[in-house]
Amino acid sequence: MVKAFRESAKSDSDGFLFLHAGDCFQGTLYYSLFKGDANATLLNMLGLDAMALGNHELDLGNAPVSRFLDKITFPLLAGNWDVSKEVDKPFPVKGKKQLMPYNPKAQRAEVLVKRIGDQKVAIFSVALDKMADIAMPDPDTPFVDSKQTAINTIRYIHEEIKTPHIVLLSHLGYAQDQKLAEEVDGISVIVGGHSHVLQGDFSNVGLGDMGPYGHKVNDTLVVQAGCHSLAIGKLKVSLDKHGKVVAYEGGNFLMLGRSLAVDASWDQSLPNGAFKDAKAYLLAQPNVIHCRGDEEINKVINERYRPAVDELKRDVVTTLPSRLRHIRVPDDRGGSEIAPLVCEAMIYSAKTRGVKADFAIHNAGGVRVSPEKGKMTAADVAGRLLPFAIDLMLYHASGLQIKQALEGAIDNALNNGVEGTGDGSFPYTAGLRYNYVCDQPKGKRIDQLEALQEDGSWLDVDLAKTYLAVSSAYTSQGKEGYDALKNLRKQPTSLHVTLAESFIEYARTKEELVASSSVLSRYKPCTDCASTNPR
């Protein structure tokens, strides 16, 4: 599709830019297995002009970004990422040729300049200020204020580069893109990511209507193209001598391959000829494009990467006699049936490595699907259920810190007295149970906090006692409401096993994987508000 768009622009004597708004790491078996090598190889082949740094690039700290920078042939823009004081380490990002970070002396982003005809187009990027709250950048590489960085950078572009044609490649999210466009003058176009907004009317294929493609805020045009490589955005835009948008057209296009699949959770069987009818319908839609696939890219995937992926797809680790439901915040039907099993797997992995953990805690957002009835493969686990390649960590915390972390995580998930970062922080546990009372004063919302004993009984957690817990590296660092875990006396230590690897180990010990009755009865809906009392 990129080749076709590029040729179309050339035939119209137009300039062409191919921009990526960040988050290419994580979420697939290709990252789980190859840790960014496949990403770098294939993005190089696609011929990007620039990519923004997203939060998922930093899920495992700076090291994977460092290795990625060594392999890519295009610039990675990170305009409000200050790496200037990064200390010596095996895999630094400071000084990497392809990184365009924050310039602390000038207090602005480094700027990429592209020539289109006799005009210059300046491109820079900013990401979330609070990157450390949702990702794991190394502590010596903070993110600075995105708005002030944008203001300073635009002033520099006008005064030094002397062009009004400015593109912001953003990883702030759609709402923040619009807010920035409203508050900061001088940006021609914002190409955004992070919030997965698929602009355009896709109600014809069941994906809803997010409004027209291209949202104008003052003199700035804001575009976003969804997520997961489902769609590609094609924008043809004309700017005047002041950098203002005078005309634009285009849209997001769903890229359809040769195969169609039926959602396994749909109970109805397809009538005869449904595949043919569905394919004919989709190909008749103006916002759907049939993609043949690039022969050179397919060859690289098939020879270098797909064999290892296919091997995981053949590796059956257990069987599910029924679907295991996943929901982030419990409702009147109960909570997640699979997330507590993920926690049980954490305890199992610790035990098999000679460590007896008292309990495990995992955030709901780290579990991605409700696994369906039938065979579960290693690919299902690492590619769909637990696609984030994040290590498990052991840490010592007091009973009080655990209590505070649970309350903070639920407050964050429910926006109870705080402006939360999303319901993915809701905690699921193994070996630990509690009651959350939503309308109590802050600090007193967790009661009946109990830990499972070796004899199967439950005992109140001693707030002064130190316990050994296991969580993902993400949760153990105190992200998204788990702030009490930021103040541990000792830093968490890695079990050197990822979430997916842990669950696969555990699942192999089960001929059939089922949710236990104790897990299912642990949750009780709150009757006097919209939040929940998990037990």
Protein backbone atom coordinates (compact mmCIF):
# COMPACT_ATOMS: atom_id res chain seq x y z
CA MET A 1 0.00 0.00 0.00
CA VAL A 2 2.85 2.36 0.79
CA LYS A 3 4.41 1.71 -2.59
CA ALA A 4 1.08 2.44 -4.29
CA PHE A 5 0.56 5.66 -2.33
CA ARG A 6 4.12 6.78 -3.02
CA GLU A 7 3.72 6.19 -6.76
CA SER A 8 0.40 8.03 -6.74
CA ALA A 9 2.04 11.06 -5.08
CA LYS A 10 4.89 10.97 -7.60
CA SER A 11 2.53 10.89 -10.58
CA ASP A 12 0.71 13.92 -9.16
CA SER A 13 4.06 15.70 -8.62
CA ASP A 14 3.35 15.79 -4.88
CA GLY A 15 5.75 15.28 -2.01
CA PHE A 16 5.38 12.17 0.12
CA LEU A 17 5.96 11.37 3.81
CA PHE A 18 5.42 8.02 5.52
CA LEU A 19 5.08 8.56 9.28
CA HIS A 20 4.62 6.12 12.19
CA ALA A 21 3.17 7.48 15.46
CA GLY A 22 4.79 4.94 17.79
CA ASP A 23 4.07 1.68 19.65
CA CYS A 24 5.51 -0.90 17.27
CA PHE A 25 6.89 -3.02 20.12
CA GLN A 26 4.84 -5.61 22.02
CA GLY A 27 1.57 -7.36 21.33
CA THR A 28 2.61 -10.08 18.86
CA LEU A 29 4.62 -13.27 18.79
CA TYR A 30 7.09 -11.52 16.49
CA TYR A 31 8.09 -9.19 19.32
CA SER A 32 7.88 -11.85 22.02
CA LEU A 33 10.28 -14.06 20.07
CA PHE A 34 12.60 -11.56 18.40
CA LYS A 35 12.53 -8.56 20.79
CA GLY A 36 12.46 -5.84 18.13
CA ASP A 37 14.67 -7.39 15.45
CA ALA A 38 11.69 -8.23 13.22
CA ASN A 39 10.22 -4.77 13.85
CA ALA A 40 13.42 -3.03 12.78
CA THR A 41 13.94 -5.22 9.71
CA LEU A 42 10.40 -4.81 8.39
CA LEU A 43 10.06 -1.10 9.17
CA ASN A 44 13.33 -0.51 7.32
CA MET A 45 11.87 -2.35 4.34
CA LEU A 46 8.72 -0.22 4.47
CA GLY A 47 10.81 2.90 4.08
CA LEU A 48 9.62 5.09 6.95
CA ASP A 49 10.54 8.77 6.91
CA ALA A 50 10.21 8.97 10.69
CA MET A 51 8.72 7.20 13.70
CA ALA A 52 7.68 8.58 17.07
CA LEU A 53 8.73 6.87 20.28
CA GLY A 54 5.69 5.28 21.97
CA ASN A 55 5.19 4.07 25.52
CA HIS A 56 5.36 0.38 24.57
CA GLU A 57 8.86 0.85 23.21
CA LEU A 58 9.78 1.51 26.86
CA ASP A 59 7.93 -1.36 28.55
CA LEU A 60 11.26 -3.03 29.32
CA GLY A 61 13.41 0.06 29.87
CA ASN A 62 15.90 1.72 27.54
CA ALA A 63 17.88 -1.36 26.47
CA PRO A 64 15.42 -2.68 23.82
CA VAL A 65 15.20 0.84 22.33
CA SER A 66 19.00 1.00 22.23
CA ARG A 67 19.20 -2.25 20.27
CA PHE A 68 16.37 -1.09 17.99
CA LEU A 69 18.24 2.15 17.26
CA ASP A 70 21.30 0.16 16.21
CA LYS A 71 19.26 -1.58 13.50
CA ILE A 72 16.90 1.03 12.05
CA THR A 73 17.71 3.21 9.05
CA PHE A 74 15.14 5.95 9.80
CA PRO A 75 15.01 8.56 12.60
CA LEU A 76 13.22 7.80 15.86
CA LEU A 77 11.78 11.08 17.14
CA ALA A 78 11.49 11.59 20.90
CA GLY A 79 11.42 15.35 21.27
CA ASN A 80 10.64 15.59 24.99
CA TRP A 81 12.82 12.66 26.09
CA ASP A 82 15.88 14.02 27.89
CA VAL A 83 18.63 11.42 27.59
CA SER A 84 21.49 13.87 28.14
CA LYS A 85 22.30 12.64 31.66
CA GLU A 86 22.09 8.92 30.96
CA VAL A 87 24.82 7.13 32.89
CA ASP A 88 27.16 4.50 31.49
CA LYS A 89 25.33 1.24 30.87
CA PRO A 90 25.59 -1.74 28.49
CA PHE A 91 22.80 -0.49 26.21
CA PRO A 92 22.48 3.31 26.30
CA VAL A 93 20.30 5.40 24.01
CA LYS A 94 22.28 8.63 24.36
CA GLY A 95 24.35 9.42 21.31
CA LYS A 96 22.61 6.95 19.00
CA LYS A 97 22.66 8.20 15.42
CA GLN A 98 18.98 7.60 14.67
CA LEU A 99 17.58 9.08 17.90
CA MET A 100 16.29 12.68 17.83
CA PRO A 101 15.63 13.47 21.52
CA TYR A 102 15.16 16.58 23.66
CA ASN A 103 17.86 19.22 23.47
CA PRO A 104 18.23 20.36 27.10
CA LYS A 105 20.43 23.37 26.34
CA ALA A 106 17.95 24.82 23.86
CA GLN A 107 14.96 23.34 25.76
CA ARG A 108 13.40 22.02 22.55
CA ALA A 109 13.04 18.93 20.43
CA GLU A 110 15.54 17.96 17.79
CA VAL A 111 13.93 18.62 14.41
CA LEU A 112 13.88 16.57 11.21
CA VAL A 113 13.76 18.68 8.04
CA LYS A 114 12.43 17.27 4.78
CA ARG A 115 12.48 19.08 1.44
CA ILE A 116 9.38 18.87 -0.73
CA GLY A 117 10.06 20.73 -3.94
CA ASP A 118 11.50 24.10 -2.97
CA GLN A 119 9.79 24.03 0.44
CA LYS A 120 11.04 22.77 3.81
CA VAL A 121 8.85 20.71 6.13
CA ALA A 122 9.91 20.49 9.78
CA ILE A 123 8.94 17.39 11.74
CA PHE A 124 9.30 16.82 15.47
CA SER A 125 7.71 14.62 18.10
CA VAL A 126 6.48 14.71 21.68
CA ALA A 127 5.12 11.91 23.86
CA LEU A 128 3.28 11.68 27.16
CA ASP A 129 4.83 13.78 29.92
CA LYS A 130 3.99 11.08 32.45
CA MET A 131 5.71 8.32 30.51
CA ALA A 132 7.18 6.92 33.72
CA ASP A 133 3.64 6.30 35.02
CA ILE A 134 2.69 3.90 32.23
CA ALA A 135 6.05 2.64 30.91
CA MET A 136 9.54 2.00 32.23
CA PRO A 137 12.05 4.51 30.87
CA ASP A 138 15.31 4.34 32.80
CA PRO A 139 15.26 6.78 35.75
CA ASP A 140 18.13 8.82 34.29
CA THR A 141 16.15 9.62 31.11
CA PRO A 142 13.04 11.60 32.10
CA PHE A 143 10.33 13.04 29.87
CA VAL A 144 9.81 16.79 30.09
CA ASP A 145 6.76 18.97 29.55
CA SER A 146 5.36 18.29 26.07
CA LYS A 147 3.48 21.56 25.65
CA GLN A 148 6.43 23.79 26.54
CA THR A 149 8.70 21.64 24.38
CA ALA A 150 6.31 22.14 21.45
CA ILE A 151 6.18 25.92 22.00
CA ASN A 152 9.96 26.22 22.17
CA THR A 153 10.46 23.96 19.15
CA ILE A 154 7.98 25.85 16.97
CA ARG A 155 9.73 29.12 17.84
CA TYR A 156 13.07 27.57 16.86
CA ILE A 157 11.65 26.27 13.56
CA HIS A 158 10.30 29.71 12.66
CA GLU A 159 13.47 31.58 13.64
CA GLU A 160 16.26 29.19 12.63
CA ILE A 161 14.89 26.73 10.07
CA LYS A 162 12.68 29.46 8.67
CA THR A 163 9.70 27.42 7.58
CA PRO A 164 6.05 27.63 8.65
CA HIS A 165 5.34 24.07 7.47
CA ILE A 166 5.38 22.03 10.68
CA VAL A 167 4.28 18.43 11.31
CA LEU A 168 4.02 17.11 14.87
CA LEU A 169 4.37 13.35 15.12
CA SER A 170 2.59 12.81 18.43
CA HIS A 171 2.27 10.04 20.97
CA LEU A 172 0.04 12.00 23.34
CA GLY A 173 -3.36 10.55 22.45
CA TYR A 174 -6.25 12.05 20.47
CA ALA A 175 -7.72 14.22 23.23
CA GLN A 176 -4.32 15.68 24.10
CA ASP A 177 -3.54 16.24 20.41
CA GLN A 178 -6.68 18.35 20.11
CA LYS A 179 -5.90 20.22 23.31
CA LEU A 180 -2.37 20.99 22.12
CA ALA A 181 -3.71 22.21 18.78
CA GLU A 182 -6.10 24.50 20.63
CA GLU A 183 -3.47 25.93 22.98
CA VAL A 184 -0.37 26.09 20.75
CA ASP A 185 -0.20 27.98 17.46
CA GLY A 186 1.97 27.14 14.48
CA ILE A 187 1.44 23.40 13.94
CA SER A 188 0.19 22.56 10.44
CA VAL A 189 -0.62 18.87 10.96
CA ILE A 190 -0.59 16.54 13.95
CA VAL A 191 -0.18 12.86 13.10
CA GLY A 192 -1.12 11.09 16.33
CA GLY A 193 -1.11 7.71 18.03
CA HIS A 194 -1.49 6.11 21.48
CA SER A 195 -5.29 6.32 21.78
CA HIS A 196 -6.10 4.02 18.82
CA VAL A 197 -8.71 6.34 17.26
CA LEU A 198 -9.80 5.13 13.84
CA GLN A 199 -11.05 8.36 12.29
CA GLY A 200 -13.81 7.93 9.74
CA ASP A 201 -17.17 6.19 9.43
CA PHE A 202 -16.59 2.44 9.58
CA SER A 203 -20.13 1.53 10.64
CA ASN A 204 -20.40 -0.31 7.30
CA VAL A 205 -18.04 -2.95 8.70
CA GLY A 206 -19.15 -2.80 12.33
CA LEU A 207 -16.35 -0.58 13.65
CA GLY A 208 -18.44 2.51 14.40
CA ASP A 209 -18.22 6.11 13.34
CA MET A 210 -15.48 8.26 14.88
CA GLY A 211 -16.35 11.30 12.80
CA PRO A 212 -14.66 12.51 9.64
CA TYR A 213 -11.06 11.77 8.75
CA GLY A 214 -9.08 14.83 9.74
CA HIS A 215 -10.23 17.02 12.62
CA LYS A 216 -9.49 20.73 12.31
CA VAL A 217 -8.68 22.60 15.52
CA ASN A 218 -8.02 26.27 14.83
CA ASP A 219 -5.46 26.13 12.02
CA THR A 220 -4.15 22.64 12.83
CA LEU A 221 -5.32 19.39 11.23
CA VAL A 222 -5.31 16.34 13.52
CA VAL A 223 -5.27 12.82 12.06
CA GLN A 224 -5.01 9.32 13.56
CA ALA A 225 -5.17 5.88 11.94
CA GLY A 226 -6.31 3.39 14.58
CA CYS A 227 -3.99 0.63 15.78
CA HIS A 228 -2.54 -2.85 15.19
CA SER A 229 -1.80 -2.14 11.49
CA LEU A 230 -5.51 -2.64 10.84
CA ALA A 231 -5.66 0.52 8.75
CA ILE A 232 -3.42 2.96 6.94
CA GLY A 233 -4.15 6.67 6.73
CA LYS A 234 -3.77 8.48 3.42
CA LEU A 235 -3.76 12.27 3.76
CA LYS A 236 -3.32 14.69 0.89
CA VAL A 237 -2.86 18.15 2.36
CA SER A 238 -2.07 21.58 0.92
CA LEU A 239 -0.43 24.30 3.04
CA ASP A 240 -0.19 28.00 2.30
CA LYS A 241 2.88 30.20 2.78
CA HIS A 242 1.96 30.63 6.47
CA GLY A 243 1.79 26.87 7.10
CA LYS A 244 -2.00 26.85 7.37
CA VAL A 245 -4.06 24.02 5.87
CA VAL A 246 -5.95 25.32 2.84
CA ALA A 247 -7.22 21.97 1.53
CA TYR A 248 -7.09 18.31 2.45
CA GLU A 249 -8.61 15.00 1.44
CA GLY A 250 -8.12 11.30 2.11
CA GLY A 251 -9.11 8.79 4.71
CA ASN A 252 -8.26 5.69 6.68
CA PHE A 253 -8.39 2.42 4.77
CA LEU A 254 -8.77 -1.03 6.28
CA MET A 255 -6.21 -3.38 4.75
CA LEU A 256 -7.81 -6.74 3.98
CA GLY A 257 -5.69 -9.81 3.28
CA ARG A 258 -6.69 -13.04 1.60
CA SER A 259 -8.21 -14.69 4.68
CA LEU A 260 -11.37 -14.06 6.64
CA ALA A 261 -11.97 -15.47 10.12
CA VAL A 262 -15.08 -15.82 12.25
CA ASP A 263 -15.06 -14.59 15.85
CA ALA A 264 -14.91 -17.76 17.93
CA SER A 265 -17.20 -16.26 20.57
CA TRP A 266 -20.02 -15.97 17.99
CA ASP A 267 -22.33 -18.93 18.57
CA GLN A 268 -24.08 -18.97 15.19
CA SER A 269 -22.80 -21.07 12.31
CA LEU A 270 -22.22 -19.44 8.94
CA PRO A 271 -24.68 -20.35 6.18
CA ASN A 272 -23.37 -21.76 2.91
CA GLY A 273 -21.70 -19.18 0.74
CA ALA A 274 -21.22 -16.72 3.63
CA PHE A 275 -17.47 -16.48 3.09
CA LYS A 276 -17.94 -15.57 -0.56
CA ASP A 277 -20.68 -13.06 0.28
CA ALA A 278 -18.67 -11.49 3.11
CA LYS A 279 -15.59 -11.10 0.96
CA ALA A 280 -17.58 -9.60 -1.91
CA TYR A 281 -19.27 -7.16 0.48
CA LEU A 282 -16.02 -6.04 2.06
CA LEU A 283 -14.25 -5.52 -1.24
CA ALA A 284 -17.13 -3.33 -2.42
CA GLN A 285 -16.64 -0.90 0.47
CA PRO A 286 -14.82 2.36 -0.34
CA ASN A 287 -12.86 2.29 2.94
CA VAL A 288 -11.54 -1.28 2.50
CA ILE A 289 -8.53 -2.16 0.34
CA HIS A 290 -7.53 -5.68 -0.70
CA CYS A 291 -3.77 -6.08 -0.20
CA ARG A 292 -1.83 -8.73 -2.10
CA GLY A 293 1.25 -8.47 0.09
CA ASP A 294 4.79 -7.56 -0.91
CA GLU A 295 6.81 -10.50 -2.22
CA GLU A 296 10.14 -9.31 -0.82
CA ILE A 297 8.70 -8.65 2.64
CA ASN A 298 6.80 -11.95 2.65
CA LYS A 299 10.03 -13.77 1.78
CA VAL A 300 11.86 -12.21 4.74
CA ILE A 301 8.98 -13.02 7.12
CA ASN A 302 8.64 -16.60 5.87
CA GLU A 303 12.36 -17.36 5.97
CA ARG A 304 13.53 -15.49 9.07
CA TYR A 305 10.60 -15.18 11.43
CA ARG A 306 7.50 -17.24 10.65
CA PRO A 307 8.98 -20.73 11.31
CA ALA A 308 9.45 -19.94 15.00
CA VAL A 309 5.95 -18.45 15.20
CA ASP A 310 4.41 -21.50 13.51
CA GLU A 311 6.20 -23.78 15.95
CA LEU A 312 4.48 -22.03 18.85
CA LYS A 313 1.14 -22.40 17.08
CA ARG A 314 1.63 -26.18 17.02
CA ASP A 315 2.67 -26.39 20.69
CA VAL A 316 -0.47 -27.32 22.69
CA VAL A 317 0.06 -26.56 26.39
CA THR A 318 -3.38 -27.42 27.84
CA THR A 319 -7.08 -27.71 27.04
CA LEU A 320 -9.92 -25.44 28.14
CA PRO A 321 -13.21 -27.32 28.70
CA SER A 322 -15.04 -23.98 28.58
CA ARG A 323 -14.38 -20.34 27.75
CA LEU A 324 -12.61 -18.40 30.53
CA ARG A 325 -14.07 -14.93 30.72
CA HIS A 326 -11.87 -11.89 31.15
CA ILE A 327 -13.17 -8.54 32.33
CA ARG A 328 -11.09 -5.78 33.84
CA VAL A 329 -13.41 -4.46 36.55
CA PRO A 330 -15.81 -7.09 37.97
CA ASP A 331 -19.50 -6.70 37.16
CA ASP A 332 -22.66 -8.44 38.36
CA ARG A 333 -21.45 -11.64 36.66
CA GLY A 334 -18.20 -11.61 38.63
CA GLY A 335 -14.61 -10.89 37.78
CA SER A 336 -12.05 -12.29 35.38
CA GLU A 337 -11.76 -16.06 35.40
CA ILE A 338 -8.39 -16.08 33.67
CA ALA A 339 -6.49 -13.25 35.45
CA PRO A 340 -6.39 -15.07 38.83
CA LEU A 341 -4.97 -18.12 37.03
CA VAL A 342 -2.24 -15.89 35.61
CA CYS A 343 -1.45 -14.98 39.22
CA GLU A 344 -1.44 -18.64 40.27
CA ALA A 345 1.05 -19.26 37.48
CA MET A 346 3.32 -16.55 38.92
CA ILE A 347 3.40 -18.32 42.28
CA TYR A 348 4.05 -21.64 40.53
CA SER A 349 6.99 -20.21 38.57
CA ALA A 350 8.49 -18.76 41.73
CA LYS A 351 8.09 -22.10 43.54
CA THR A 352 9.73 -24.08 40.73
CA ARG A 353 12.71 -21.74 41.04
CA GLY A 354 13.03 -22.42 44.76
CA VAL A 355 11.17 -19.33 46.00
CA LYS A 356 8.02 -19.48 48.09
CA ALA A 357 6.03 -16.34 47.36
CA ASP A 358 3.25 -15.45 49.77
CA PHE A 359 0.96 -14.17 47.02
CA ALA A 360 0.82 -12.69 43.52
CA ILE A 361 -0.80 -9.52 42.17
CA HIS A 362 -1.38 -8.66 38.51
CA ASN A 363 -3.07 -5.73 36.80
CA ALA A 364 -6.12 -6.58 34.68
CA GLY A 365 -4.82 -4.70 31.65
CA GLY A 366 -1.93 -7.12 31.35
CA VAL A 367 -4.40 -9.85 30.34
CA ARG A 368 -5.79 -9.22 26.87
CA VAL A 369 -8.45 -11.78 25.90
CA SER A 370 -11.03 -14.28 27.11
CA PRO A 371 -9.52 -17.59 25.93
CA GLU A 372 -12.00 -19.82 24.11
CA LYS A 373 -12.92 -23.44 24.71
CA GLY A 374 -10.57 -26.00 23.18
CA LYS A 375 -6.83 -26.45 22.78
CA MET A 376 -4.61 -23.65 24.07
CA THR A 377 -1.26 -23.30 22.33
CA ALA A 378 1.90 -21.49 23.33
CA ALA A 379 1.06 -19.05 20.53
CA ASP A 380 -2.36 -18.35 22.08
CA VAL A 381 -0.64 -17.48 25.36
CA ALA A 382 2.33 -15.45 24.10
CA GLY A 383 0.55 -13.89 21.13
CA ARG A 384 -2.92 -13.13 22.48
CA LEU A 385 -3.49 -13.78 26.18
CA LEU A 386 -0.25 -12.33 27.58
CA PRO A 387 1.44 -10.62 24.63
CA PHE A 388 3.59 -8.20 26.63
CA ALA A 389 7.08 -9.65 27.02
CA ILE A 390 7.56 -8.46 30.61
CA ASP A 391 9.54 -10.23 33.34
CA LEU A 392 8.12 -11.43 36.64
CA MET A 393 9.64 -9.75 39.69
CA LEU A 394 9.95 -10.77 43.34
CA TYR A 395 9.70 -8.03 45.95
CA HIS A 396 9.41 -7.62 49.70
CA ALA A 397 6.62 -5.34 50.87
CA SER A 398 4.90 -4.71 54.16
CA GLY A 399 1.27 -5.61 54.65
CA LEU A 400 0.53 -1.88 54.78
CA GLN A 401 2.22 -1.28 51.44
CA ILE A 402 0.21 -4.11 49.87
CA LYS A 403 -3.00 -2.67 51.29
CA GLN A 404 -2.17 0.81 49.99
CA ALA A 405 -1.17 -0.53 46.57
CA LEU A 406 -4.44 -2.44 46.18
CA GLU A 407 -6.50 0.58 47.16
CA GLY A 408 -4.53 2.90 44.90
CA ALA A 409 -4.87 0.54 41.94
CA ILE A 410 -8.64 0.23 42.35
CA ASP A 411 -9.06 3.97 42.92
CA ASN A 412 -7.16 4.48 39.67
CA ALA A 413 -9.28 1.94 37.79
CA LEU A 414 -12.57 3.42 39.02
CA ASN A 415 -11.52 7.11 39.04
CA ASN A 416 -12.54 7.07 42.69
CA GLY A 417 -11.26 10.41 43.98
CA VAL A 418 -8.46 10.53 41.42
CA GLU A 419 -8.09 11.05 37.70
CA GLY A 420 -7.07 7.52 36.80
CA THR A 421 -5.06 6.23 33.86
CA GLY A 422 -7.58 3.52 32.93
CA ASP A 423 -9.32 0.44 34.29
CA GLY A 424 -6.38 -1.79 33.36
CA SER A 425 -4.89 -1.18 36.81
CA PHE A 426 -7.59 -3.22 38.58
CA PRO A 427 -5.76 -5.88 40.66
CA TYR A 428 -6.28 -9.61 40.44
CA THR A 429 -4.57 -11.88 42.92
CA ALA A 430 -3.62 -15.40 44.00
CA GLY A 431 -3.03 -16.21 47.66
CA LEU A 432 -4.54 -12.88 48.65
CA ARG A 433 -8.13 -11.63 49.02
CA TYR A 434 -9.68 -8.41 50.16
CA ASN A 435 -12.80 -6.26 50.35
CA TYR A 436 -12.89 -2.80 48.74
CA VAL A 437 -15.47 -0.37 50.08
CA CYS A 438 -15.78 2.42 47.56
CA ASP A 439 -17.45 5.07 49.73
CA GLN A 440 -15.00 4.96 52.66
CA PRO A 441 -12.41 7.72 53.19
CA LYS A 442 -9.17 7.40 51.27
CA GLY A 443 -6.81 5.05 53.07
CA LYS A 444 -9.65 3.03 54.59
CA ARG A 445 -11.25 1.47 51.53
CA ILE A 446 -9.53 -1.92 51.82
CA ASP A 447 -10.67 -4.17 54.64
CA GLN A 448 -10.76 -7.93 55.27
CA LEU A 449 -7.33 -8.21 53.71
CA GLU A 450 -6.32 -11.86 54.06
CA ALA A 451 -3.48 -14.12 52.89
CA LEU A 452 -3.80 -17.83 52.12
CA GLN A 453 -1.92 -20.14 54.48
CA GLU A 454 -0.24 -23.46 53.68
CA ASP A 455 -3.06 -25.39 55.41
CA GLY A 456 -5.66 -23.74 53.16
CA SER A 457 -6.96 -21.30 55.77
CA TRP A 458 -7.09 -17.52 55.39
CA LEU A 459 -5.38 -15.24 57.90
CA ASP A 460 -5.54 -11.46 58.25
CA VAL A 461 -2.58 -9.72 56.67
CA ASP A 462 -0.31 -8.19 59.32
CA LEU A 463 0.25 -4.59 58.21
CA ALA A 464 3.62 -4.46 59.97
CA LYS A 465 4.90 -7.78 58.59
CA THR A 466 7.03 -8.06 55.45
CA TYR A 467 5.70 -10.40 52.76
CA LEU A 468 7.26 -11.79 49.60
CA ALA A 469 5.12 -11.05 46.56
CA VAL A 470 5.43 -11.66 42.84
CA SER A 471 4.12 -9.39 40.09
CA SER A 472 5.10 -8.25 36.63
CA ALA A 473 7.93 -5.75 36.32
CA TYR A 474 5.29 -3.20 35.37
CA THR A 475 3.20 -3.56 38.53
CA SER A 476 6.14 -4.04 40.90
CA GLN A 477 7.52 -0.65 39.79
CA GLY A 478 4.41 1.07 41.15
CA LYS A 479 2.72 2.01 37.88
CA GLU A 480 -0.92 3.17 37.49
CA GLY A 481 -2.01 3.52 41.09
CA TYR A 482 0.35 0.98 42.69
CA ASP A 483 2.37 3.92 44.03
CA ALA A 484 2.99 2.30 47.43
CA LEU A 485 5.32 -0.17 45.70
CA LYS A 486 7.63 2.65 44.63
CA ASN A 487 8.96 2.91 48.18
CA LEU A 488 10.26 -0.61 48.71
CA ARG A 489 13.38 -0.98 50.86
CA LYS A 490 14.96 -3.26 48.26
CA GLN A 491 14.53 -3.14 44.51
CA PRO A 492 12.51 -6.02 43.01
CA THR A 493 14.54 -8.87 41.57
CA SER A 494 13.75 -10.69 38.35
CA LEU A 495 12.68 -14.33 38.21
CA HIS A 496 14.05 -14.32 34.64
CA VAL A 497 10.79 -15.57 33.22
CA THR A 498 8.16 -13.58 31.33
CA LEU A 499 4.44 -13.51 31.98
CA ALA A 500 3.75 -15.73 29.00
CA GLU A 501 6.54 -18.18 29.82
CA SER A 502 5.24 -18.44 33.38
CA PHE A 503 1.69 -19.18 32.29
CA ILE A 504 2.86 -21.74 29.75
CA GLU A 505 4.87 -23.53 32.47
CA TYR A 506 1.81 -23.61 34.71
CA ALA A 507 -0.64 -24.61 31.98
CA ARG A 508 1.52 -27.62 30.99
CA THR A 509 0.85 -29.09 34.46
CA LYS A 510 -2.91 -29.03 33.84
CA GLU A 511 -4.60 -31.51 31.53
CA GLU A 512 -7.55 -29.15 31.63
CA LEU A 513 -7.46 -25.54 32.79
CA VAL A 514 -10.52 -24.37 34.71
CA ALA A 515 -11.36 -21.47 37.00
CA SER A 516 -11.58 -22.63 40.60
CA SER A 517 -14.74 -22.00 42.63
CA SER A 518 -12.74 -19.93 45.11
CA VAL A 519 -11.71 -17.60 42.32
CA LEU A 520 -15.25 -17.28 41.00
CA SER A 521 -16.74 -16.43 44.39
CA ARG A 522 -14.17 -13.82 45.30
CA TYR A 523 -16.06 -10.93 43.72
CA LYS A 524 -19.28 -9.27 44.77
CA PRO A 525 -20.80 -6.25 43.01
CA CYS A 526 -21.26 -3.08 45.01
CA THR A 527 -24.95 -2.28 45.50
CA ASP A 528 -24.72 1.44 46.24
CA CYS A 529 -22.39 2.76 43.53
CA ALA A 530 -20.90 1.97 40.14
CA SER A 531 -17.72 0.47 41.57
CA THR A 532 -17.08 -3.00 42.90
CA ASN A 533 -16.36 -4.87 46.12
CA PRO A 534 -13.97 -7.67 45.13
CA ARG A 535 -13.62 -10.41 47.71
